């Protein structure tokens, strides 16, 4: 998990486009593989806000509070956000100062499936890839199936 790291996922974006054109089992499998390999920009709210160090690089102060905002559906379900690149990330709160962490699929699994921890992450029903673009939702059940498939293939 890295702070304000640049991220790009052209292969994942390609598999999403393939699924839109032809929602086949093969394309779904390719999508799942890319999701499990990808790093995503995940918005964070940090208090106090990061400040530049002597080299001008933003640094999070020790003891800072970090929150992962979520999106809510009309029926109240919450989802963490996962952006494939900076262009998609900028669609969230355009024009505002914002920060991100680069998270992997396993980071999301850890946040979503652990007991305790941050309240909105523990309540989230999954995560949504590019919520202001292609808007692909990964539910907890899909995450569990992906983890099970990975465990079977590793055996």
N, C-alpha and C. Protein backbone atom coordinates (compact mmCIF):
# COMPACT_ATOMS: atom_id res chain seq x y z
N UNK A 1 0.86 -1.17 0.00
CA UNK A 1 0.00 0.00 0.00
C UNK A 1 0.91 1.23 0.00
N UNK A 2 0.91 1.93 -1.11
CA UNK A 2 1.77 3.12 -1.24
C UNK A 2 0.93 4.37 -1.39
N UNK A 3 1.40 5.45 -0.77
CA UNK A 3 0.70 6.74 -0.79
C UNK A 3 0.97 7.46 -2.10
N UNK A 4 -0.10 7.94 -2.75
CA UNK A 4 -0.05 8.75 -3.98
C UNK A 4 0.84 8.16 -5.07
N UNK A 5 0.83 6.84 -5.21
CA UNK A 5 1.62 6.15 -6.23
C UNK A 5 0.87 6.19 -7.56
N UNK A 6 1.56 6.45 -8.67
CA UNK A 6 0.89 6.38 -9.98
C UNK A 6 0.52 4.93 -10.31
N UNK A 7 -0.65 4.76 -10.91
CA UNK A 7 -1.15 3.43 -11.24
C UNK A 7 -1.74 3.47 -12.65
N UNK A 8 -1.56 2.37 -13.39
CA UNK A 8 -2.13 2.25 -14.72
C UNK A 8 -2.47 0.77 -14.94
N UNK A 9 -3.63 0.51 -15.54
CA UNK A 9 -4.10 -0.86 -15.74
C UNK A 9 -4.68 -1.07 -17.14
N UNK A 10 -3.87 -0.91 -18.19
CA UNK A 10 -4.42 -1.05 -19.54
C UNK A 10 -4.99 -2.43 -19.84
N UNK A 11 -4.39 -3.48 -19.30
CA UNK A 11 -4.90 -4.84 -19.55
C UNK A 11 -6.27 -5.03 -18.87
N UNK A 12 -6.43 -4.52 -17.67
CA UNK A 12 -7.72 -4.62 -16.99
C UNK A 12 -8.79 -3.86 -17.74
N UNK A 13 -8.47 -2.66 -18.18
CA UNK A 13 -9.43 -1.87 -18.95
C UNK A 13 -9.81 -2.61 -20.24
N UNK A 14 -8.83 -3.25 -20.85
CA UNK A 14 -9.09 -4.04 -22.06
C UNK A 14 -10.02 -5.20 -21.80
N UNK A 15 -9.84 -5.89 -20.67
CA UNK A 15 -10.73 -7.02 -20.38
C UNK A 15 -12.15 -6.55 -20.05
N UNK A 16 -12.27 -5.38 -19.45
CA UNK A 16 -13.60 -4.82 -19.19
C UNK A 16 -14.30 -4.54 -20.52
N UNK A 17 -13.57 -3.95 -21.46
CA UNK A 17 -14.14 -3.68 -22.78
C UNK A 17 -14.52 -4.97 -23.51
N UNK A 18 -13.68 -6.00 -23.37
CA UNK A 18 -14.00 -7.30 -23.97
C UNK A 18 -15.30 -7.87 -23.40
N UNK A 19 -15.46 -7.78 -22.08
CA UNK A 19 -16.68 -8.29 -21.45
C UNK A 19 -17.91 -7.52 -21.90
N UNK A 20 -17.75 -6.20 -22.08
CA UNK A 20 -18.88 -5.41 -22.58
C UNK A 20 -19.30 -5.86 -23.97
N UNK A 21 -18.31 -6.16 -24.81
CA UNK A 21 -18.59 -6.57 -26.19
C UNK A 21 -19.11 -8.01 -26.26
N UNK A 22 -18.57 -8.89 -25.40
CA UNK A 22 -18.93 -10.30 -25.43
C UNK A 22 -18.74 -10.87 -24.03
N UNK A 23 -19.82 -10.98 -23.28
CA UNK A 23 -19.77 -11.43 -21.89
C UNK A 23 -19.65 -12.95 -21.82
N UNK A 24 -18.52 -13.46 -22.31
CA UNK A 24 -18.30 -14.91 -22.32
C UNK A 24 -17.54 -15.35 -21.07
N UNK A 25 -17.57 -16.64 -20.82
CA UNK A 25 -16.84 -17.22 -19.68
C UNK A 25 -15.34 -16.93 -19.81
N UNK A 26 -14.83 -17.01 -21.01
CA UNK A 26 -13.41 -16.74 -21.25
C UNK A 26 -13.06 -15.30 -20.89
N UNK A 27 -13.88 -14.35 -21.32
CA UNK A 27 -13.60 -12.94 -21.03
C UNK A 27 -13.75 -12.65 -19.54
N UNK A 28 -14.71 -13.29 -18.89
CA UNK A 28 -14.86 -13.13 -17.44
C UNK A 28 -13.62 -13.64 -16.72
N UNK A 29 -13.10 -14.77 -17.16
CA UNK A 29 -11.88 -15.33 -16.57
C UNK A 29 -10.70 -14.40 -16.73
N UNK A 30 -10.58 -13.81 -17.91
CA UNK A 30 -9.49 -12.85 -18.15
C UNK A 30 -9.64 -11.64 -17.23
N UNK A 31 -10.88 -11.15 -17.08
CA UNK A 31 -11.16 -10.02 -16.20
C UNK A 31 -10.76 -10.34 -14.76
N UNK A 32 -11.19 -11.49 -14.27
CA UNK A 32 -10.88 -11.89 -12.90
C UNK A 32 -9.37 -11.95 -12.70
N UNK A 33 -8.65 -12.54 -13.64
CA UNK A 33 -7.19 -12.61 -13.53
C UNK A 33 -6.56 -11.22 -13.46
N UNK A 34 -7.04 -10.31 -14.28
CA UNK A 34 -6.49 -8.95 -14.27
C UNK A 34 -6.83 -8.20 -12.98
N UNK A 35 -8.04 -8.38 -12.46
CA UNK A 35 -8.41 -7.75 -11.19
C UNK A 35 -7.48 -8.22 -10.09
N UNK A 36 -7.18 -9.51 -10.07
CA UNK A 36 -6.35 -10.07 -9.01
C UNK A 36 -4.89 -9.64 -9.13
N UNK A 37 -4.46 -9.17 -10.29
CA UNK A 37 -3.08 -8.69 -10.49
C UNK A 37 -2.95 -7.18 -10.38
N UNK A 38 -4.06 -6.47 -10.49
CA UNK A 38 -4.04 -5.01 -10.61
C UNK A 38 -3.72 -4.30 -9.29
N UNK A 39 -3.25 -3.07 -9.45
CA UNK A 39 -3.19 -2.11 -8.35
C UNK A 39 -4.18 -1.02 -8.70
N UNK A 40 -4.91 -0.55 -7.69
CA UNK A 40 -5.93 0.46 -7.89
C UNK A 40 -5.63 1.70 -7.06
N UNK A 41 -6.01 2.86 -7.58
CA UNK A 41 -5.97 4.08 -6.78
C UNK A 41 -7.22 4.09 -5.91
N UNK A 42 -7.01 4.18 -4.64
CA UNK A 42 -8.10 4.16 -3.67
C UNK A 42 -8.09 5.46 -2.90
N UNK A 43 -9.17 6.24 -2.97
CA UNK A 43 -9.17 7.53 -2.29
C UNK A 43 -9.11 7.37 -0.77
N UNK A 44 -8.39 8.30 -0.15
CA UNK A 44 -8.29 8.35 1.30
C UNK A 44 -8.48 9.79 1.77
N UNK A 45 -9.02 9.91 2.97
CA UNK A 45 -9.12 11.20 3.64
C UNK A 45 -8.15 11.13 4.80
N UNK A 46 -7.22 12.08 4.86
CA UNK A 46 -6.16 12.05 5.86
C UNK A 46 -6.24 13.30 6.72
N UNK A 47 -6.21 13.08 8.05
CA UNK A 47 -6.28 14.20 8.97
C UNK A 47 -5.19 14.04 10.04
N UNK A 48 -4.30 15.01 10.17
CA UNK A 48 -4.18 16.23 9.37
C UNK A 48 -3.68 15.91 7.96
N UNK A 49 -3.94 16.84 7.05
CA UNK A 49 -3.56 16.66 5.65
C UNK A 49 -2.04 16.49 5.54
N UNK A 50 -1.59 15.67 4.59
CA UNK A 50 -0.15 15.50 4.38
C UNK A 50 0.51 16.83 4.06
N UNK A 51 1.76 16.95 4.48
CA UNK A 51 2.52 18.18 4.24
C UNK A 51 3.80 17.82 3.48
N UNK A 52 4.31 18.77 2.69
CA UNK A 52 5.54 18.48 1.94
C UNK A 52 6.75 18.41 2.88
N UNK A 53 7.65 17.46 2.57
CA UNK A 53 8.91 17.38 3.31
C UNK A 53 9.91 18.34 2.67
N UNK A 54 11.17 18.29 3.09
CA UNK A 54 12.18 19.23 2.57
C UNK A 54 12.44 19.04 1.08
N UNK A 55 12.06 17.88 0.53
CA UNK A 55 12.22 17.63 -0.91
C UNK A 55 10.94 17.91 -1.70
N UNK A 56 9.92 18.41 -1.00
CA UNK A 56 8.66 18.74 -1.65
C UNK A 56 7.71 17.56 -1.82
N UNK A 57 8.10 16.40 -1.30
CA UNK A 57 7.27 15.20 -1.38
C UNK A 57 6.27 15.18 -0.23
N UNK A 58 4.99 14.90 -0.54
CA UNK A 58 3.98 14.85 0.51
C UNK A 58 4.22 13.68 1.45
N UNK A 59 4.11 13.97 2.75
CA UNK A 59 4.36 12.96 3.77
C UNK A 59 3.18 12.95 4.75
N UNK A 60 2.77 11.77 5.13
CA UNK A 60 1.72 11.61 6.13
C UNK A 60 2.37 11.64 7.51
N UNK A 61 1.92 12.53 8.36
CA UNK A 61 2.49 12.66 9.70
C UNK A 61 2.15 11.44 10.55
N UNK A 62 3.06 11.07 11.41
CA UNK A 62 2.83 9.97 12.33
C UNK A 62 1.59 10.27 13.18
N UNK A 63 0.75 9.28 13.37
CA UNK A 63 -0.46 9.45 14.15
C UNK A 63 -1.63 10.03 13.38
N UNK A 64 -1.45 10.28 12.08
CA UNK A 64 -2.55 10.81 11.27
C UNK A 64 -3.68 9.79 11.17
N UNK A 65 -4.88 10.29 11.03
CA UNK A 65 -6.04 9.44 10.86
C UNK A 65 -6.31 9.29 9.36
N UNK A 66 -6.43 8.04 8.90
CA UNK A 66 -6.67 7.74 7.49
C UNK A 66 -8.01 7.03 7.38
N UNK A 67 -8.88 7.56 6.52
CA UNK A 67 -10.19 6.95 6.28
C UNK A 67 -10.34 6.64 4.80
N UNK A 68 -11.00 5.53 4.52
CA UNK A 68 -11.30 5.13 3.15
C UNK A 68 -12.77 5.43 2.88
N UNK A 69 -13.07 6.50 2.14
CA UNK A 69 -14.48 6.82 1.87
C UNK A 69 -15.13 5.74 1.00
N UNK A 70 -16.43 5.63 1.13
CA UNK A 70 -17.16 4.65 0.34
C UNK A 70 -18.31 5.35 -0.38
N UNK A 71 -18.87 4.65 -1.34
CA UNK A 71 -20.05 5.12 -2.06
C UNK A 71 -21.25 4.31 -1.58
N UNK A 72 -22.41 4.95 -1.53
CA UNK A 72 -23.62 4.26 -1.11
C UNK A 72 -24.59 4.16 -2.29
N UNK A 73 -25.25 3.02 -2.38
CA UNK A 73 -26.30 2.83 -3.37
C UNK A 73 -27.59 3.41 -2.80
N UNK A 74 -28.61 3.62 -3.63
CA UNK A 74 -29.89 4.15 -3.12
C UNK A 74 -30.49 3.32 -1.99
N UNK A 75 -30.20 2.02 -1.98
CA UNK A 75 -30.75 1.17 -0.92
C UNK A 75 -29.83 1.07 0.30
N UNK A 76 -28.75 1.88 0.32
CA UNK A 76 -27.89 1.98 1.50
C UNK A 76 -26.68 1.07 1.54
N UNK A 77 -26.49 0.24 0.51
CA UNK A 77 -25.29 -0.62 0.50
C UNK A 77 -24.06 0.24 0.20
N UNK A 78 -22.95 -0.07 0.85
CA UNK A 78 -21.73 0.71 0.67
C UNK A 78 -20.67 -0.10 -0.07
N UNK A 79 -19.89 0.61 -0.89
CA UNK A 79 -18.81 -0.02 -1.65
C UNK A 79 -17.58 0.88 -1.59
N UNK A 80 -16.41 0.27 -1.41
CA UNK A 80 -15.16 1.01 -1.51
C UNK A 80 -14.91 1.32 -2.98
N UNK A 81 -14.09 2.33 -3.24
CA UNK A 81 -13.80 2.73 -4.62
C UNK A 81 -12.43 2.22 -5.05
N UNK A 82 -12.33 1.85 -6.33
CA UNK A 82 -11.08 1.37 -6.92
C UNK A 82 -10.96 1.97 -8.32
N UNK A 83 -9.97 2.83 -8.50
CA UNK A 83 -9.78 3.49 -9.80
C UNK A 83 -8.59 2.87 -10.52
N UNK A 84 -8.75 2.65 -11.83
CA UNK A 84 -7.71 1.99 -12.61
C UNK A 84 -6.53 2.90 -12.96
N UNK A 85 -6.76 4.21 -12.90
CA UNK A 85 -5.68 5.14 -13.27
C UNK A 85 -6.04 6.55 -12.80
N UNK A 86 -5.12 7.47 -12.99
CA UNK A 86 -5.31 8.85 -12.53
C UNK A 86 -6.50 9.53 -13.22
N UNK A 87 -6.69 9.26 -14.50
CA UNK A 87 -7.79 9.89 -15.23
C UNK A 87 -9.14 9.51 -14.60
N UNK A 88 -9.31 8.24 -14.26
CA UNK A 88 -10.56 7.80 -13.61
C UNK A 88 -10.66 8.36 -12.19
N UNK A 89 -9.53 8.39 -11.48
CA UNK A 89 -9.51 8.91 -10.10
C UNK A 89 -9.94 10.38 -10.06
N UNK A 90 -9.54 11.13 -11.07
CA UNK A 90 -9.87 12.57 -11.10
C UNK A 90 -11.36 12.83 -11.27
N UNK A 91 -12.12 11.84 -11.69
CA UNK A 91 -13.57 12.00 -11.83
C UNK A 91 -14.26 12.07 -10.46
N UNK A 92 -13.58 11.58 -9.42
CA UNK A 92 -14.12 11.64 -8.06
C UNK A 92 -13.74 13.00 -7.47
N UNK A 93 -14.72 13.77 -7.10
CA UNK A 93 -14.52 15.11 -6.53
C UNK A 93 -13.57 15.95 -7.39
N UNK A 94 -13.94 16.20 -8.66
CA UNK A 94 -13.07 16.95 -9.55
C UNK A 94 -12.75 18.34 -9.00
N UNK A 95 -11.50 18.74 -9.19
CA UNK A 95 -11.07 20.07 -8.77
C UNK A 95 -10.68 20.17 -7.31
N UNK A 96 -10.94 19.14 -6.52
CA UNK A 96 -10.58 19.17 -5.10
C UNK A 96 -9.23 18.49 -4.88
N UNK A 97 -8.54 18.93 -3.84
CA UNK A 97 -7.31 18.25 -3.42
C UNK A 97 -7.70 16.89 -2.88
N UNK A 98 -7.06 15.83 -3.36
CA UNK A 98 -7.38 14.49 -2.88
C UNK A 98 -6.13 13.62 -2.87
N UNK A 99 -6.21 12.60 -2.05
CA UNK A 99 -5.07 11.70 -1.86
C UNK A 99 -5.52 10.27 -2.11
N UNK A 100 -4.54 9.40 -2.38
CA UNK A 100 -4.87 8.00 -2.66
C UNK A 100 -3.77 7.08 -2.14
N UNK A 101 -4.16 5.84 -1.97
CA UNK A 101 -3.22 4.75 -1.76
C UNK A 101 -3.37 3.81 -2.95
N UNK A 102 -2.28 3.17 -3.33
CA UNK A 102 -2.34 2.12 -4.34
C UNK A 102 -2.61 0.81 -3.60
N UNK A 103 -3.76 0.19 -3.88
CA UNK A 103 -4.15 -1.05 -3.22
C UNK A 103 -4.28 -2.17 -4.25
N UNK A 104 -3.97 -3.36 -3.80
CA UNK A 104 -4.15 -4.56 -4.62
C UNK A 104 -5.46 -5.24 -4.26
N UNK A 105 -5.82 -6.23 -5.03
CA UNK A 105 -7.00 -7.04 -4.72
C UNK A 105 -6.89 -7.60 -3.31
N UNK A 106 -5.72 -8.11 -2.94
CA UNK A 106 -5.53 -8.68 -1.61
C UNK A 106 -5.70 -7.63 -0.51
N UNK A 107 -5.33 -6.38 -0.78
CA UNK A 107 -5.56 -5.31 0.19
C UNK A 107 -7.06 -5.11 0.41
N UNK A 108 -7.83 -5.11 -0.68
CA UNK A 108 -9.29 -4.99 -0.55
C UNK A 108 -9.87 -6.17 0.22
N UNK A 109 -9.40 -7.37 -0.09
CA UNK A 109 -9.87 -8.56 0.62
C UNK A 109 -9.63 -8.39 2.11
N UNK A 110 -8.45 -7.97 2.47
CA UNK A 110 -8.10 -7.78 3.87
C UNK A 110 -9.02 -6.76 4.55
N UNK A 111 -9.28 -5.66 3.86
CA UNK A 111 -10.13 -4.61 4.43
C UNK A 111 -11.59 -5.04 4.54
N UNK A 112 -12.07 -5.75 3.54
CA UNK A 112 -13.49 -6.09 3.48
C UNK A 112 -13.87 -7.30 4.33
N UNK A 113 -12.96 -8.22 4.49
CA UNK A 113 -13.32 -9.48 5.14
C UNK A 113 -12.82 -9.60 6.58
N UNK A 114 -12.05 -8.65 7.06
CA UNK A 114 -11.57 -8.75 8.44
C UNK A 114 -12.62 -8.23 9.41
N UNK A 115 -12.55 -8.76 10.59
CA UNK A 115 -13.45 -8.30 11.65
C UNK A 115 -12.81 -7.09 12.31
N UNK A 116 -13.63 -6.14 12.73
CA UNK A 116 -13.11 -4.93 13.36
C UNK A 116 -12.52 -4.03 12.30
N UNK A 117 -11.51 -3.31 12.63
CA UNK A 117 -10.88 -2.42 11.67
C UNK A 117 -11.75 -1.22 11.38
N UNK A 118 -11.49 -0.59 10.27
CA UNK A 118 -12.20 0.63 9.94
C UNK A 118 -13.67 0.35 9.64
N UNK A 119 -14.54 1.12 10.23
CA UNK A 119 -15.98 0.86 10.18
C UNK A 119 -16.53 0.81 8.76
N UNK A 120 -16.25 1.82 7.93
CA UNK A 120 -16.86 1.82 6.59
C UNK A 120 -16.30 0.72 5.70
N UNK A 121 -15.04 0.32 5.90
CA UNK A 121 -14.49 -0.79 5.12
C UNK A 121 -15.13 -2.11 5.54
N UNK A 122 -15.33 -2.30 6.83
CA UNK A 122 -15.93 -3.54 7.33
C UNK A 122 -17.39 -3.65 6.91
N UNK A 123 -18.10 -2.53 6.78
CA UNK A 123 -19.51 -2.54 6.37
C UNK A 123 -19.68 -2.64 4.86
N UNK A 124 -18.65 -2.33 4.11
CA UNK A 124 -18.76 -2.30 2.65
C UNK A 124 -19.11 -3.69 2.11
N UNK A 125 -19.92 -3.69 1.09
CA UNK A 125 -20.39 -4.92 0.45
C UNK A 125 -19.43 -5.41 -0.65
N UNK A 126 -18.36 -4.65 -0.89
CA UNK A 126 -17.40 -4.97 -1.92
C UNK A 126 -16.72 -3.70 -2.37
N UNK A 127 -16.22 -3.72 -3.60
CA UNK A 127 -15.63 -2.51 -4.16
C UNK A 127 -16.10 -2.31 -5.59
N UNK A 128 -16.02 -1.08 -6.04
CA UNK A 128 -16.49 -0.75 -7.38
C UNK A 128 -15.32 -0.17 -8.17
N UNK A 129 -15.08 -0.75 -9.34
CA UNK A 129 -14.00 -0.30 -10.21
C UNK A 129 -14.53 0.84 -11.08
N UNK A 130 -13.82 1.96 -11.07
CA UNK A 130 -14.16 3.15 -11.85
C UNK A 130 -15.64 3.51 -11.72
N UNK A 131 -16.05 3.91 -10.51
CA UNK A 131 -17.47 4.18 -10.27
C UNK A 131 -18.06 5.31 -11.12
N UNK A 132 -17.21 6.18 -11.67
CA UNK A 132 -17.71 7.28 -12.50
C UNK A 132 -17.42 7.02 -13.98
N UNK A 133 -17.07 5.78 -14.28
CA UNK A 133 -16.78 5.37 -15.65
C UNK A 133 -17.53 4.08 -15.95
N UNK A 134 -16.79 2.96 -16.05
CA UNK A 134 -17.41 1.68 -16.39
C UNK A 134 -18.24 1.10 -15.25
N UNK A 135 -17.95 1.47 -14.00
CA UNK A 135 -18.78 1.11 -12.84
C UNK A 135 -18.97 -0.41 -12.70
N UNK A 136 -17.87 -1.14 -12.52
CA UNK A 136 -17.93 -2.59 -12.36
C UNK A 136 -17.88 -2.90 -10.87
N UNK A 137 -18.93 -3.55 -10.36
CA UNK A 137 -19.03 -3.86 -8.94
C UNK A 137 -18.50 -5.27 -8.66
N UNK A 138 -17.64 -5.35 -7.66
CA UNK A 138 -17.11 -6.64 -7.19
C UNK A 138 -17.69 -6.87 -5.80
N UNK A 139 -18.70 -7.73 -5.70
CA UNK A 139 -19.38 -8.02 -4.43
C UNK A 139 -18.54 -8.96 -3.57
N UNK A 140 -18.82 -8.98 -2.29
CA UNK A 140 -18.13 -9.89 -1.36
C UNK A 140 -18.21 -11.34 -1.84
N UNK A 141 -19.37 -11.76 -2.36
CA UNK A 141 -19.53 -13.14 -2.83
C UNK A 141 -18.57 -13.43 -3.98
N UNK A 142 -18.41 -12.48 -4.88
CA UNK A 142 -17.49 -12.66 -6.00
C UNK A 142 -16.06 -12.72 -5.47
N UNK A 143 -15.75 -11.88 -4.49
CA UNK A 143 -14.41 -11.89 -3.89
C UNK A 143 -14.13 -13.27 -3.28
N UNK A 144 -15.10 -13.81 -2.54
CA UNK A 144 -14.93 -15.13 -1.94
C UNK A 144 -14.70 -16.19 -3.01
N UNK A 145 -15.46 -16.14 -4.11
CA UNK A 145 -15.28 -17.09 -5.21
C UNK A 145 -13.91 -16.94 -5.86
N UNK A 146 -13.46 -15.71 -6.01
CA UNK A 146 -12.14 -15.47 -6.61
C UNK A 146 -11.05 -16.05 -5.71
N UNK A 147 -11.19 -15.87 -4.41
CA UNK A 147 -10.20 -16.39 -3.46
C UNK A 147 -10.21 -17.92 -3.49
N UNK A 148 -11.39 -18.53 -3.55
CA UNK A 148 -11.51 -19.97 -3.61
C UNK A 148 -10.87 -20.52 -4.88
N UNK A 149 -11.12 -19.87 -6.00
CA UNK A 149 -10.52 -20.28 -7.28
C UNK A 149 -9.00 -20.18 -7.20
N UNK A 150 -8.50 -19.12 -6.60
CA UNK A 150 -7.05 -18.95 -6.46
C UNK A 150 -6.47 -20.07 -5.60
N UNK A 151 -7.13 -20.37 -4.50
CA UNK A 151 -6.62 -21.43 -3.60
C UNK A 151 -6.60 -22.78 -4.32
N UNK A 152 -7.62 -23.04 -5.12
CA UNK A 152 -7.67 -24.32 -5.87
C UNK A 152 -6.56 -24.39 -6.90
N UNK A 153 -6.27 -23.28 -7.56
CA UNK A 153 -5.24 -23.28 -8.61
C UNK A 153 -3.84 -23.32 -8.00
N UNK A 154 -3.70 -22.85 -6.75
CA UNK A 154 -2.40 -22.89 -6.07
C UNK A 154 -2.08 -24.26 -5.52
N UNK A 155 -3.11 -25.14 -5.39
CA UNK A 155 -2.90 -26.46 -4.81
C UNK A 155 -2.31 -27.41 -5.82
